[in-house]
N, C-alpha and C. Protein backbone atom coordinates (compact mmCIF):
# COMPACT_ATOMS: atom_id res chain seq x y z
N UNK A 1 -25.29 7.70 21.93
CA UNK A 1 -25.72 8.68 20.93
C UNK A 1 -26.06 9.99 21.64
N UNK A 2 -25.50 11.08 21.15
CA UNK A 2 -25.74 12.38 21.75
C UNK A 2 -27.12 12.89 21.37
N UNK A 3 -27.70 13.61 22.30
CA UNK A 3 -29.00 14.22 22.02
C UNK A 3 -28.77 15.56 21.35
N UNK A 4 -29.75 15.96 20.57
CA UNK A 4 -29.71 17.27 19.94
C UNK A 4 -30.01 18.33 20.99
N UNK A 5 -29.64 19.56 20.69
CA UNK A 5 -29.86 20.67 21.61
C UNK A 5 -31.32 20.76 22.05
N UNK A 6 -32.24 20.67 21.09
CA UNK A 6 -33.65 20.82 21.47
C UNK A 6 -34.12 19.71 22.40
N UNK A 7 -33.60 18.50 22.22
CA UNK A 7 -33.96 17.40 23.11
C UNK A 7 -33.38 17.61 24.51
N UNK A 8 -32.14 18.07 24.56
CA UNK A 8 -31.48 18.36 25.84
C UNK A 8 -32.25 19.44 26.59
N UNK A 9 -32.62 20.50 25.88
CA UNK A 9 -33.32 21.62 26.49
C UNK A 9 -34.63 21.17 27.12
N UNK A 10 -35.43 20.43 26.37
CA UNK A 10 -36.71 19.97 26.89
C UNK A 10 -36.51 19.00 28.07
N UNK A 11 -35.58 18.08 27.94
CA UNK A 11 -35.36 17.09 29.00
C UNK A 11 -34.93 17.77 30.30
N UNK A 12 -33.99 18.69 30.22
CA UNK A 12 -33.50 19.37 31.43
C UNK A 12 -34.62 20.20 32.05
N UNK A 13 -35.40 20.91 31.22
CA UNK A 13 -36.51 21.71 31.74
C UNK A 13 -37.53 20.83 32.45
N UNK A 14 -37.87 19.70 31.85
CA UNK A 14 -38.86 18.80 32.45
C UNK A 14 -38.31 18.14 33.71
N UNK A 15 -37.02 17.78 33.72
CA UNK A 15 -36.43 17.18 34.92
C UNK A 15 -36.49 18.13 36.11
N UNK A 16 -36.43 19.42 35.83
CA UNK A 16 -36.45 20.43 36.89
C UNK A 16 -37.86 20.94 37.17
N UNK A 17 -38.85 20.34 36.50
CA UNK A 17 -40.25 20.73 36.68
C UNK A 17 -40.46 22.23 36.49
N UNK A 18 -39.86 22.76 35.43
CA UNK A 18 -40.01 24.17 35.10
C UNK A 18 -40.92 24.25 33.87
N UNK A 19 -41.99 25.02 33.99
CA UNK A 19 -42.90 25.19 32.85
C UNK A 19 -42.27 26.13 31.82
N UNK A 20 -42.80 26.09 30.62
CA UNK A 20 -42.33 27.02 29.59
C UNK A 20 -42.55 28.46 30.03
N UNK A 21 -43.69 28.70 30.70
CA UNK A 21 -44.01 30.05 31.16
C UNK A 21 -43.00 30.53 32.20
N UNK A 22 -42.63 29.66 33.12
CA UNK A 22 -41.65 30.03 34.15
C UNK A 22 -40.28 30.27 33.52
N UNK A 23 -39.90 29.44 32.56
CA UNK A 23 -38.63 29.63 31.88
C UNK A 23 -38.64 30.93 31.07
N UNK A 24 -39.77 31.25 30.47
CA UNK A 24 -39.90 32.49 29.71
C UNK A 24 -39.70 33.70 30.63
N UNK A 25 -40.26 33.63 31.83
CA UNK A 25 -40.09 34.73 32.78
C UNK A 25 -38.63 34.87 33.22
N UNK A 26 -37.98 33.74 33.47
CA UNK A 26 -36.59 33.77 33.92
C UNK A 26 -35.63 34.28 32.84
N UNK A 27 -35.92 33.95 31.59
CA UNK A 27 -35.00 34.27 30.50
C UNK A 27 -35.41 35.50 29.70
N UNK A 28 -36.66 35.94 29.88
CA UNK A 28 -37.23 37.02 29.06
C UNK A 28 -37.26 36.65 27.59
N UNK A 29 -37.52 35.38 27.35
CA UNK A 29 -37.70 34.86 25.99
C UNK A 29 -39.15 34.39 25.92
N UNK A 30 -39.85 34.74 24.86
CA UNK A 30 -41.26 34.38 24.73
C UNK A 30 -41.47 32.86 24.68
N UNK A 31 -42.64 32.43 25.14
CA UNK A 31 -42.93 30.99 25.15
C UNK A 31 -42.95 30.42 23.73
N UNK A 32 -43.41 31.20 22.77
CA UNK A 32 -43.41 30.73 21.38
C UNK A 32 -42.01 30.44 20.88
N UNK A 33 -41.08 31.31 21.23
CA UNK A 33 -39.68 31.13 20.83
C UNK A 33 -39.09 29.91 21.54
N UNK A 34 -39.41 29.77 22.84
CA UNK A 34 -38.92 28.59 23.58
C UNK A 34 -39.47 27.31 22.98
N UNK A 35 -40.74 27.32 22.60
CA UNK A 35 -41.33 26.13 21.96
C UNK A 35 -40.60 25.81 20.65
N UNK A 36 -40.24 26.85 19.91
CA UNK A 36 -39.51 26.64 18.65
C UNK A 36 -38.14 26.03 18.91
N UNK A 37 -37.47 26.48 19.98
CA UNK A 37 -36.17 25.90 20.34
C UNK A 37 -36.33 24.43 20.74
N UNK A 38 -37.37 24.14 21.52
CA UNK A 38 -37.57 22.77 21.99
C UNK A 38 -38.02 21.83 20.88
N UNK A 39 -38.69 22.36 19.89
CA UNK A 39 -39.14 21.50 18.78
C UNK A 39 -38.03 21.30 17.75
N UNK A 40 -37.00 22.14 17.82
CA UNK A 40 -35.91 22.03 16.87
C UNK A 40 -36.12 22.83 15.61
N UNK A 41 -37.23 23.58 15.53
CA UNK A 41 -37.48 24.37 14.33
C UNK A 41 -36.62 25.62 14.28
N UNK A 42 -36.10 26.05 15.44
CA UNK A 42 -35.16 27.17 15.49
C UNK A 42 -34.01 26.80 16.41
N UNK A 43 -32.83 27.38 16.14
CA UNK A 43 -31.66 27.14 16.96
C UNK A 43 -31.31 28.43 17.68
N UNK A 44 -31.18 28.38 19.01
CA UNK A 44 -30.85 29.60 19.75
C UNK A 44 -29.41 30.04 19.52
N UNK A 45 -29.18 31.35 19.68
CA UNK A 45 -27.83 31.89 19.59
C UNK A 45 -27.03 31.46 20.82
N UNK A 46 -25.74 31.68 20.78
CA UNK A 46 -24.89 31.34 21.92
C UNK A 46 -25.33 32.14 23.15
N UNK A 47 -25.64 33.42 22.96
CA UNK A 47 -26.09 34.26 24.08
C UNK A 47 -27.38 33.70 24.68
N UNK A 48 -28.29 33.24 23.85
CA UNK A 48 -29.54 32.66 24.33
C UNK A 48 -29.29 31.35 25.05
N UNK A 49 -28.37 30.54 24.55
CA UNK A 49 -28.02 29.29 25.22
C UNK A 49 -27.49 29.58 26.62
N UNK A 50 -26.69 30.64 26.75
CA UNK A 50 -26.17 31.01 28.07
C UNK A 50 -27.31 31.44 29.00
N UNK A 51 -28.27 32.19 28.48
CA UNK A 51 -29.43 32.60 29.28
C UNK A 51 -30.21 31.36 29.75
N UNK A 52 -30.41 30.43 28.82
CA UNK A 52 -31.16 29.22 29.14
C UNK A 52 -30.43 28.37 30.18
N UNK A 53 -29.13 28.23 30.02
CA UNK A 53 -28.37 27.42 30.97
C UNK A 53 -28.38 28.05 32.35
N UNK A 54 -28.29 29.38 32.43
CA UNK A 54 -28.36 30.06 33.72
C UNK A 54 -29.73 29.85 34.37
N UNK A 55 -30.79 30.01 33.59
CA UNK A 55 -32.14 29.85 34.12
C UNK A 55 -32.40 28.42 34.58
N UNK A 56 -31.83 27.45 33.86
CA UNK A 56 -32.03 26.04 34.20
C UNK A 56 -31.00 25.54 35.22
N UNK A 57 -30.04 26.42 35.55
CA UNK A 57 -29.00 26.10 36.53
C UNK A 57 -28.18 24.87 36.14
N UNK A 58 -27.77 24.87 34.87
CA UNK A 58 -26.89 23.82 34.36
C UNK A 58 -25.77 24.48 33.56
N UNK A 59 -24.61 23.84 33.47
CA UNK A 59 -23.56 24.39 32.62
C UNK A 59 -24.02 24.43 31.16
N UNK A 60 -23.62 25.46 30.45
CA UNK A 60 -23.99 25.57 29.03
C UNK A 60 -23.55 24.34 28.25
N UNK A 61 -22.47 23.72 28.69
CA UNK A 61 -21.98 22.52 28.00
C UNK A 61 -23.01 21.39 28.02
N UNK A 62 -23.86 21.35 29.06
CA UNK A 62 -24.91 20.33 29.11
C UNK A 62 -25.89 20.49 27.94
N UNK A 63 -26.14 21.72 27.54
CA UNK A 63 -27.02 21.96 26.40
C UNK A 63 -26.27 21.80 25.08
N UNK A 64 -25.01 22.20 25.08
CA UNK A 64 -24.25 22.19 23.83
C UNK A 64 -23.70 20.82 23.45
N UNK A 65 -23.68 19.87 24.35
CA UNK A 65 -23.15 18.54 24.04
C UNK A 65 -23.77 17.96 22.79
N UNK A 66 -25.05 18.21 22.59
CA UNK A 66 -25.74 17.67 21.42
C UNK A 66 -25.30 18.30 20.13
N UNK A 67 -24.67 19.49 20.19
CA UNK A 67 -24.24 20.18 18.98
C UNK A 67 -22.85 19.78 18.55
N UNK A 68 -22.11 19.12 19.40
CA UNK A 68 -20.71 18.81 19.11
C UNK A 68 -20.56 17.52 18.31
N UNK A 69 -21.13 17.52 17.14
CA UNK A 69 -21.02 16.36 16.25
C UNK A 69 -19.99 16.70 15.18
N UNK A 70 -18.94 15.95 15.16
CA UNK A 70 -17.85 16.26 14.23
C UNK A 70 -18.13 15.74 12.84
């Protein structure tokens, strides 16, 4: 079963021991917005997903896998 984007985002961030504050600094996205993405209450744009994947040093496809539900 594929994980949703918000689950992937939180899991990858935690695996890399990156705090929300550190990710916010790297991406220039506020911690409140990042929390909304991780909780699933908001969905980031493609541009934001690219920023997040760069900051987390993972391919964007690792985050997007959860969205590819046919």
